[in-house]
Protein backbone atom coordinates (compact mmCIF):
# COMPACT_ATOMS: atom_id res chain seq x y z
CA MET A 1 52.67 39.92 103.22
CA PRO A 2 51.52 41.65 100.00
CA ARG A 3 54.03 43.03 97.52
CA LEU A 4 53.55 46.53 96.16
CA VAL A 5 53.49 46.96 92.37
CA LEU A 6 54.30 50.46 91.11
CA ALA A 7 52.51 51.20 87.83
CA SER A 8 54.87 54.03 86.94
CA ALA A 9 58.22 54.59 85.25
CA SER A 10 59.02 57.54 87.55
CA PRO A 11 62.45 57.13 89.15
CA ALA A 12 61.48 59.74 91.77
CA ARG A 13 58.45 57.72 92.90
CA LEU A 14 60.54 54.56 93.07
CA ALA A 15 63.26 56.29 95.08
CA THR A 16 60.68 57.77 97.48
CA LEU A 17 59.12 54.37 98.14
CA ARG A 18 62.49 52.69 98.61
CA SER A 19 63.60 55.36 101.07
CA ALA A 20 60.42 54.56 103.04
CA GLY A 21 61.30 50.87 103.23
CA VAL A 22 59.14 49.66 100.34
CA ASP A 23 60.79 48.00 97.34
CA PRO A 24 58.05 47.63 94.71
CA VAL A 25 57.90 45.64 91.52
CA VAL A 26 57.85 48.21 88.70
CA VAL A 27 55.44 47.58 85.83
CA VAL A 28 54.94 50.52 83.45
CA SER A 29 51.30 51.00 82.51
CA GLY A 30 51.71 52.36 78.98
CA VAL A 31 48.51 54.39 79.35
CA ASP A 32 47.98 57.14 76.78
CA GLU A 33 47.56 60.18 79.00
CA SER A 34 46.04 62.25 76.19
CA GLN A 35 42.84 60.18 76.37
CA VAL A 36 41.71 62.20 79.39
CA ASP A 37 41.30 65.89 78.67
CA GLY A 38 39.10 68.83 79.53
CA VAL A 39 38.60 68.02 83.22
CA PRO A 40 39.73 69.94 86.33
CA PRO A 41 43.30 69.26 87.54
CA ALA A 42 42.34 67.23 90.62
CA GLU A 43 39.97 65.02 88.62
CA LEU A 44 42.52 64.64 85.83
CA ALA A 45 45.25 63.41 88.18
CA LEU A 46 42.90 60.94 89.85
CA ARG A 47 41.44 59.56 86.62
CA LEU A 48 44.87 59.02 85.09
CA ALA A 49 46.06 57.28 88.27
CA GLU A 50 43.03 54.98 88.12
CA LEU A 51 43.65 54.19 84.45
CA LYS A 52 47.30 53.34 85.10
CA CYS A 53 46.39 51.19 88.08
CA ALA A 54 43.70 49.30 86.15
CA ALA A 55 45.96 48.74 83.12
CA VAL A 56 48.62 47.04 85.22
CA ALA A 57 46.23 45.20 87.56
CA GLY A 58 44.57 43.66 84.52
CA ARG A 59 47.74 42.06 83.16
CA ASP A 60 47.53 38.27 82.93
CA ASP A 61 51.13 37.75 84.05
CA LEU A 62 51.05 40.07 87.06
CA ARG A 63 50.12 37.45 89.65
CA ALA A 64 53.02 35.26 88.59
CA GLU A 65 55.42 38.18 88.82
CA ALA A 66 54.26 39.88 92.01
CA GLY A 67 51.99 37.39 93.80
CA ALA A 68 48.24 36.85 93.94
CA ASP A 69 47.92 39.22 96.91
CA ALA A 70 49.87 42.13 95.39
CA LEU A 71 48.77 45.75 95.75
CA VAL A 72 48.96 47.77 92.52
CA LEU A 73 49.62 51.50 92.82
CA GLY A 74 48.88 53.94 90.02
CA CYS A 75 49.89 57.62 90.39
CA ASP A 76 49.70 60.72 88.27
CA SER A 77 50.70 64.31 89.04
CA VAL A 78 49.75 67.66 87.55
CA LEU A 79 50.45 71.23 88.57
CA ASP A 80 47.29 73.27 89.09
CA LEU A 81 48.05 76.86 88.08
CA ASP A 82 44.96 79.08 87.98
CA GLY A 83 42.78 76.02 87.42
CA GLU A 84 44.81 74.78 84.44
CA ALA A 85 46.38 71.32 84.64
CA LEU A 86 50.06 71.39 83.68
CA GLY A 87 51.72 68.03 83.09
CA LYS A 88 55.07 67.42 81.45
CA PRO A 89 55.97 70.15 78.94
CA GLY A 90 56.17 68.96 75.36
CA ASP A 91 59.38 70.76 74.41
CA PRO A 92 61.91 73.34 75.69
CA ASP A 93 59.87 76.28 74.41
CA GLU A 94 56.84 75.12 76.39
CA ALA A 95 58.97 74.56 79.50
CA THR A 96 60.35 78.09 79.17
CA ALA A 97 56.88 79.60 78.80
CA ARG A 98 55.69 77.63 81.82
CA TRP A 99 58.43 78.95 84.05
CA ARG A 100 57.86 82.51 82.92
CA ALA A 101 54.22 82.09 83.95
CA MET A 102 55.06 80.33 87.24
CA ARG A 103 57.88 82.46 88.60
CA GLY A 104 57.07 84.47 91.70
CA ARG A 105 53.70 82.74 91.96
CA THR A 106 52.00 79.84 93.74
CA GLY A 107 50.56 76.63 92.32
CA VAL A 108 49.10 73.41 93.70
CA LEU A 109 50.71 70.08 92.88
CA ARG A 110 47.97 67.46 92.70
CA THR A 111 48.76 63.75 92.67
CA GLY A 112 46.14 61.08 92.11
CA HIS A 113 46.65 57.72 93.84
CA ALA A 114 44.78 54.50 93.00
CA LEU A 115 45.55 51.29 94.89
CA HIS A 116 44.12 47.93 93.78
CA ASP A 117 44.14 44.73 95.83
CA LEU A 118 44.53 41.75 93.48
CA ALA A 119 43.27 39.30 96.11
CA THR A 120 39.94 41.05 96.74
CA GLY A 121 39.47 43.09 93.57
CA ARG A 122 38.92 46.26 95.64
CA THR A 123 40.34 49.64 94.63
CA GLU A 124 40.78 52.72 96.81
CA SER A 125 41.63 56.05 95.19
CA ARG A 126 42.23 59.58 96.40
CA SER A 127 44.15 62.74 95.50
CA ALA A 128 46.67 64.72 97.53
CA ALA A 129 47.35 68.44 97.12
CA THR A 130 50.44 70.41 98.09
CA THR A 131 50.83 74.16 97.65
CA VAL A 132 54.11 75.18 95.99
CA HIS A 133 55.65 78.67 96.06
CA PHE A 134 58.01 79.47 93.19
CA ALA A 135 60.96 81.85 93.29
CA ASP A 136 61.02 84.91 91.04
CA VAL A 137 63.70 83.39 88.82
CA THR A 138 65.41 85.32 86.04
CA ASP A 139 65.22 84.62 82.32
CA ALA A 140 68.84 83.44 82.46
CA GLU A 141 68.04 80.98 85.25
CA ILE A 142 65.05 79.66 83.33
CA ALA A 143 67.14 79.19 80.19
CA ALA A 144 69.87 77.37 82.11
CA TYR A 145 67.37 75.13 83.87
CA VAL A 146 65.50 74.22 80.69
CA ALA A 147 68.83 73.48 78.97
CA THR A 148 69.51 70.72 81.54
CA GLY A 149 66.47 68.83 80.26
CA GLU A 150 65.14 68.17 83.75
CA PRO A 151 61.91 70.20 83.41
CA LEU A 152 60.88 68.23 80.31
CA HIS A 153 60.43 64.99 82.23
CA VAL A 154 58.34 66.07 85.23
CA ALA A 155 54.83 67.36 85.85
CA GLY A 156 54.74 71.12 86.15
CA ALA A 157 58.26 71.43 84.69
CA PHE A 158 59.95 71.45 88.10
CA THR A 159 61.38 69.24 90.83
CA VAL A 160 62.01 69.79 94.53
CA ASP A 161 64.48 66.92 94.80
CA GLY A 162 66.71 67.91 91.89
CA LEU A 163 68.07 70.99 90.15
CA GLY A 164 64.72 72.74 90.47
CA GLY A 165 64.80 72.62 94.26
CA ALA A 166 66.54 76.00 94.46
CA PHE A 167 63.65 77.59 92.56
CA VAL A 168 60.99 76.50 95.08
CA THR A 169 60.82 78.87 98.05
CA GLY A 170 58.39 76.83 100.12
CA ILE A 171 55.64 74.23 100.20
CA GLU A 172 52.52 73.75 102.29
CA GLY A 173 51.56 70.12 102.73
CA ASP A 174 53.24 66.80 102.07
CA HIS A 175 56.71 67.17 100.56
CA HIS A 176 56.65 63.63 99.16
CA ASN A 177 53.51 64.43 97.20
CA VAL A 178 55.47 66.98 95.18
CA VAL A 179 58.02 64.28 94.34
CA GLY A 180 55.20 62.10 93.05
CA VAL A 181 53.71 59.92 95.78
CA SER A 182 52.20 60.95 99.13
CA LEU A 183 53.42 58.43 101.70
CA PRO A 184 50.83 59.38 104.36
CA LEU A 185 48.02 59.09 101.81
CA LEU A 186 49.35 55.78 100.53
CA ARG A 187 49.49 54.47 104.10
CA ASP A 188 45.80 55.39 104.50
CA LEU A 189 44.89 53.62 101.26
CA VAL A 190 46.76 50.49 102.32
CA GLY A 191 44.87 50.55 105.61
CA SER A 192 41.54 51.03 103.84
CA LEU A 193 42.17 47.78 101.97
CA GLY A 194 42.75 45.95 105.23
CA HIS A 195 46.54 45.81 105.26
CA ALA A 196 49.20 47.25 107.55
CA TRP A 197 51.64 49.76 106.02
CA THR A 198 54.48 48.21 108.00
CA ASP A 199 53.84 44.84 106.29
CA LEU A 200 55.13 46.42 103.08
CA TRP A 201 58.50 47.20 104.61
CA GLN A 202 61.35 45.14 103.19
CA THR A 203 63.69 43.83 105.91
CA PRO A 204 67.30 44.60 104.91
CA ALA A 205 69.35 41.47 104.29
CA ARG A 206 71.90 40.75 106.97
CA PRO A 207 75.54 40.39 105.84
């Protein structure tokens, strides 16, 4: 059975996969995200996911760590607001400006997924999109939220599985995609590479 390698430092992605029965090996890609710029949000998310996947899949020591038949997953998320790709804000002032622009409005969270099969050398990649409706939060709520530091570490400056959850009034599409990895899409990619999603499940150890 292949082992999944997660080419991401995101604790939310790791927690999502573990809750779905998959316990991946985590190998951070170290890709400079600024190297891709000036492209539409959906293309940006997909290209960054592919770069992260390729960077980790190309490591000489990966087969020894995860197995010669490992599947390497690269992901990247951006918030598409009026056609502009919003990643992680650079500082509190940018996070505050983002939320003032987002409140009471709707954006699309786009996550690129790239999955590489070490055994065959094949890669399958695709993006998922989830519509997100934001609450009309007050300036005081924005200031309090930014002060927690949470918005500085996530694409779009918000979460649905943390403190920001109360500021999201609804979503249309895959909830897990907003957290950072679309489980239904990942299942499809695993199948496209000739594997069964259930083979990635880790059987809990018996006491």
